[in-house]
Amino acid sequence: LWDSFHDIGTEMIITKAGRRMFPTYKASISGLDPNAKYILLMDIVPMDDNRYKYHNSEWVVSGKAEPLMPGRLYIHPDSPATGTQWMKQSVTFHKLKLTNNAMDQQGHIILNSMHKYQPRLHIVQANDVYSLRWNSFSTFAFPETSFIAVTAYQNEKITQLKIDNNPFAKGFRD
């Protein structure tokens, strides 16, 4: 599904209250020590220092990026868990929310509208969040999950793909 969106330029809605990502970020994990505990985190980082606009049916650079919003890590709610638990099924980040509210107190990921972003998954062997900084991270970024943050969809093809595939968009179907 991500590939379908990526091919036409994924857009993700951001709101003051926070909006869940669709498609949902999902990963299959392998190669972990089955008995060790791991914490899974996600952050979303700018892909460049540009601001974009949708012009003549395509995204084009329209200037320099706005100042970076405070970087936040989203800790997967099942963390910490054993390697066995993480590897037995796909891990989803369906509760992660995106916001454009710089004063957000809910732990949502804060982004600027009309900027391009790359989600990154971090896997850290750690027994608890307090020992995070002492451990090494493994970081994974999948180019097909990159997106432009928007407050309203710009590309009608994206709108249609979301309506066709998102069960929560059923109110928009014919």
Foldseek 3Di string as FASTA:
>chain_A
DLLVCLVLFAEAAAAAVWDWDPVWDKAADDDFDQAFWKKKKKWKAFPDQFFWDQDPSRIDTDGGHDPDQDTAIGIQPVPTDGPNVRNPDMDTPRVATEHCNSPDPPRHHHDDARTKIWMKMWMWGDRDPVCRVVTDIDIDTDVSNIHGYHNDDDHVVNVVVCCVPPPVNVVPDD
